[in-house]
């Protein structure tokens, strides 16, 4: 089922539809299927299409963190916090702040 949804979303992309929601949806589905590496380019595209899409910044951070790209994940979370704060989305800003602090701790613990 999940693979089928990804296939359908990719087909939409192949037919010329390319927007933040489609790219977010693809990234989200790849993450659900534990394929963070495949999610990253779609989530990057989502935030390029809509730099104010705080949920896409959050998922991009999660995907980058899952692949071990901690500095990039931290950057994504920080940008997501800024975006969420500008929009007044306090809950999203709070969540990404927590995620960012967790990544900062992981980075400090790297020898």
C-alpha atoms as a PDB file:
ATOM      1  CA  UNK A   1       0.000   0.000   0.000  1.00  0.00           C
ATOM      2  CA  UNK A   2       2.678   2.508   1.016  1.00  0.00           C
ATOM      3  CA  UNK A   3       4.752   1.772  -2.075  1.00  0.00           C
ATOM      4  CA  UNK A   4       1.672   2.288  -4.156  1.00  0.00           C
ATOM      5  CA  UNK A   5       1.082   5.713  -2.647  1.00  0.00           C
ATOM      6  CA  UNK A   6       4.671   6.700  -3.371  1.00  0.00           C
ATOM      7  CA  UNK A   7       4.259   5.435  -6.932  1.00  0.00           C
ATOM      8  CA  UNK A   8       1.091   7.526  -7.337  1.00  0.00           C
ATOM      9  CA  UNK A   9       2.802  10.633  -5.957  1.00  0.00           C
ATOM     10  CA  UNK A  10       5.810  10.086  -8.216  1.00  0.00           C
ATOM     11  CA  UNK A  11       3.453   9.695 -11.182  1.00  0.00           C
ATOM     12  CA  UNK A  12       1.913  13.082 -10.344  1.00  0.00           C
ATOM     13  CA  UNK A  13       5.388  14.575 -10.205  1.00  0.00           C
ATOM     14  CA  UNK A  14       6.230  12.941 -13.531  1.00  0.00           C
ATOM     15  CA  UNK A  15       3.161  14.525 -15.118  1.00  0.00           C
ATOM     16  CA  UNK A  16       4.474  17.985 -14.336  1.00  0.00           C
ATOM     17  CA  UNK A  17       2.864  18.753 -10.996  1.00  0.00           C
ATOM     18  CA  UNK A  18       5.560  20.008  -8.666  1.00  0.00           C
ATOM     19  CA  UNK A  19       4.618  21.958  -5.573  1.00  0.00           C
ATOM     20  CA  UNK A  20       5.391  22.102  -1.876  1.00  0.00           C
ATOM     21  CA  UNK A  21       2.515  19.852  -0.819  1.00  0.00           C
ATOM     22  CA  UNK A  22       3.378  17.102  -3.300  1.00  0.00           C
ATOM     23  CA  UNK A  23       7.042  17.182  -2.328  1.00  0.00           C
ATOM     24  CA  UNK A  24       6.148  17.215   1.382  1.00  0.00           C
ATOM     25  CA  UNK A  25       3.835  14.247   0.857  1.00  0.00           C
ATOM     26  CA  UNK A  26       6.554  12.302  -0.944  1.00  0.00           C
ATOM     27  CA  UNK A  27       9.085  13.065   1.768  1.00  0.00           C
ATOM     28  CA  UNK A  28       6.621  12.101   4.461  1.00  0.00           C
ATOM     29  CA  UNK A  29       5.829   8.779   2.801  1.00  0.00           C
ATOM     30  CA  UNK A  30       9.509   7.951   2.353  1.00  0.00           C
ATOM     31  CA  UNK A  31      10.087   8.712   6.033  1.00  0.00           C
ATOM     32  CA  UNK A  32       7.157   6.487   7.009  1.00  0.00           C
ATOM     33  CA  UNK A  33       8.866   3.754   4.997  1.00  0.00           C
ATOM     34  CA  UNK A  34      12.147   4.423   6.835  1.00  0.00           C
ATOM     35  CA  UNK A  35      13.905   5.728   3.736  1.00  0.00           C
ATOM     36  CA  UNK A  36      15.185   9.054   5.005  1.00  0.00           C
ATOM     37  CA  UNK A  37      17.747   9.378   2.214  1.00  0.00           C
ATOM     38  CA  UNK A  38      14.979   9.262  -0.401  1.00  0.00           C
ATOM     39  CA  UNK A  39      12.901  11.739   1.603  1.00  0.00           C
ATOM     40  CA  UNK A  40      15.567  14.448   1.750  1.00  0.00           C
ATOM     41  CA  UNK A  41      15.502  15.719  -1.859  1.00  0.00           C
ATOM     42  CA  UNK A  42      11.706  15.936  -1.793  1.00  0.00           C
ATOM     43  CA  UNK A  43      11.670  17.808   1.505  1.00  0.00           C
ATOM     44  CA  UNK A  44      14.388  20.140   0.237  1.00  0.00           C
ATOM     45  CA  UNK A  45      12.214  20.807  -2.799  1.00  0.00           C
ATOM     46  CA  UNK A  46       9.193  21.446  -0.550  1.00  0.00           C
ATOM     47  CA  UNK A  47      10.997  24.214   1.353  1.00  0.00           C
ATOM     48  CA  UNK A  48      12.336  25.691  -1.877  1.00  0.00           C
ATOM     49  CA  UNK A  49       8.779  25.855  -3.229  1.00  0.00           C
ATOM     50  CA  UNK A  50       7.495  27.298   0.055  1.00  0.00           C
ATOM     51  CA  UNK A  51      10.164  28.554   2.467  1.00  0.00           C
ATOM     52  CA  UNK A  52       7.393  29.288   4.983  1.00  0.00           C
ATOM     53  CA  UNK A  53       6.274  25.652   5.237  1.00  0.00           C
ATOM     54  CA  UNK A  54       7.276  24.916   8.846  1.00  0.00           C
ATOM     55  CA  UNK A  55       6.074  21.296   8.756  1.00  0.00           C
ATOM     56  CA  UNK A  56       8.380  20.636   5.801  1.00  0.00           C
ATOM     57  CA  UNK A  57      11.323  22.140   7.692  1.00  0.00           C
ATOM     58  CA  UNK A  58      10.551  19.837  10.616  1.00  0.00           C
ATOM     59  CA  UNK A  59      10.440  16.727   8.438  1.00  0.00           C
ATOM     60  CA  UNK A  60      13.574  17.808   6.594  1.00  0.00           C
ATOM     61  CA  UNK A  61      15.354  18.070   9.928  1.00  0.00           C
ATOM     62  CA  UNK A  62      14.111  14.612  10.927  1.00  0.00           C
ATOM     63  CA  UNK A  63      15.237  13.080   7.632  1.00  0.00           C
ATOM     64  CA  UNK A  64      18.667  14.699   7.812  1.00  0.00           C
ATOM     65  CA  UNK A  65      19.052  13.619  11.426  1.00  0.00           C
ATOM     66  CA  UNK A  66      18.101  10.046  10.524  1.00  0.00           C
ATOM     67  CA  UNK A  67      20.858   9.934   7.905  1.00  0.00           C
ATOM     68  CA  UNK A  68      23.429  11.281  10.346  1.00  0.00           C
ATOM     69  CA  UNK A  69      23.691  14.712   8.704  1.00  0.00           C
ATOM     70  CA  UNK A  70      23.484  16.397  12.095  1.00  0.00           C
ATOM     71  CA  UNK A  71      24.791  19.851  11.176  1.00  0.00           C
ATOM     72  CA  UNK A  72      22.337  20.061   8.288  1.00  0.00           C
ATOM     73  CA  UNK A  73      19.522  18.786  10.519  1.00  0.00           C
ATOM     74  CA  UNK A  74      20.327  21.477  13.065  1.00  0.00           C
ATOM     75  CA  UNK A  75      20.219  24.125  10.327  1.00  0.00           C
ATOM     76  CA  UNK A  76      16.832  22.829   9.125  1.00  0.00           C
ATOM     77  CA  UNK A  77      15.382  22.817  12.637  1.00  0.00           C
ATOM     78  CA  UNK A  78      16.652  26.328  13.309  1.00  0.00           C
ATOM     79  CA  UNK A  79      15.175  27.627  10.055  1.00  0.00           C
ATOM     80  CA  UNK A  80      11.936  25.819  10.885  1.00  0.00           C
ATOM     81  CA  UNK A  81      11.801  27.488  14.294  1.00  0.00           C
ATOM     82  CA  UNK A  82      12.285  30.908  12.688  1.00  0.00           C
ATOM     83  CA  UNK A  83       9.581  30.194  10.113  1.00  0.00           C
ATOM     84  CA  UNK A  84       7.143  28.890  12.726  1.00  0.00           C
ATOM     85  CA  UNK A  85       7.750  31.876  14.994  1.00  0.00           C
ATOM     86  CA  UNK A  86       7.108  34.304  12.117  1.00  0.00           C
ATOM     87  CA  UNK A  87       3.815  32.524  11.444  1.00  0.00           C
ATOM     88  CA  UNK A  88       2.864  32.433  15.121  1.00  0.00           C
ATOM     89  CA  UNK A  89       2.923  28.628  15.175  1.00  0.00           C
ATOM     90  CA  UNK A  90       4.154  28.284  18.740  1.00  0.00           C
ATOM     91  CA  UNK A  91       3.733  24.499  18.954  1.00  0.00           C
ATOM     92  CA  UNK A  92       5.817  23.808  15.848  1.00  0.00           C
ATOM     93  CA  UNK A  93       8.490  26.244  17.028  1.00  0.00           C
ATOM     94  CA  UNK A  94       8.596  24.555  20.426  1.00  0.00           C
ATOM     95  CA  UNK A  95       8.869  21.059  18.914  1.00  0.00           C
ATOM     96  CA  UNK A  96      11.671  22.019  16.558  1.00  0.00           C
ATOM     97  CA  UNK A  97      13.491  23.842  19.365  1.00  0.00           C
ATOM     98  CA  UNK A  98      13.471  20.599  21.347  1.00  0.00           C
ATOM     99  CA  UNK A  99      14.710  18.657  18.314  1.00  0.00           C
ATOM    100  CA  UNK A 100      17.457  21.245  17.721  1.00  0.00           C
ATOM    101  CA  UNK A 101      18.663  21.013  21.330  1.00  0.00           C
ATOM    102  CA  UNK A 102      18.774  17.227  21.039  1.00  0.00           C
ATOM    103  CA  UNK A 103      20.925  17.485  17.903  1.00  0.00           C
ATOM    104  CA  UNK A 104      23.167  20.066  19.584  1.00  0.00           C
ATOM    105  CA  UNK A 105      23.766  17.592  22.443  1.00  0.00           C
ATOM    106  CA  UNK A 106      24.557  14.824  19.973  1.00  0.00           C
ATOM    107  CA  UNK A 107      27.026  17.083  18.171  1.00  0.00           C
ATOM    108  CA  UNK A 108      28.753  17.976  21.464  1.00  0.00           C
ATOM    109  CA  UNK A 109      29.111  14.280  22.306  1.00  0.00           C
ATOM    110  CA  UNK A 110      30.909  13.456  19.063  1.00  0.00           C
ATOM    111  CA  UNK A 111      34.610  12.963  19.866  1.00  0.00           C
END
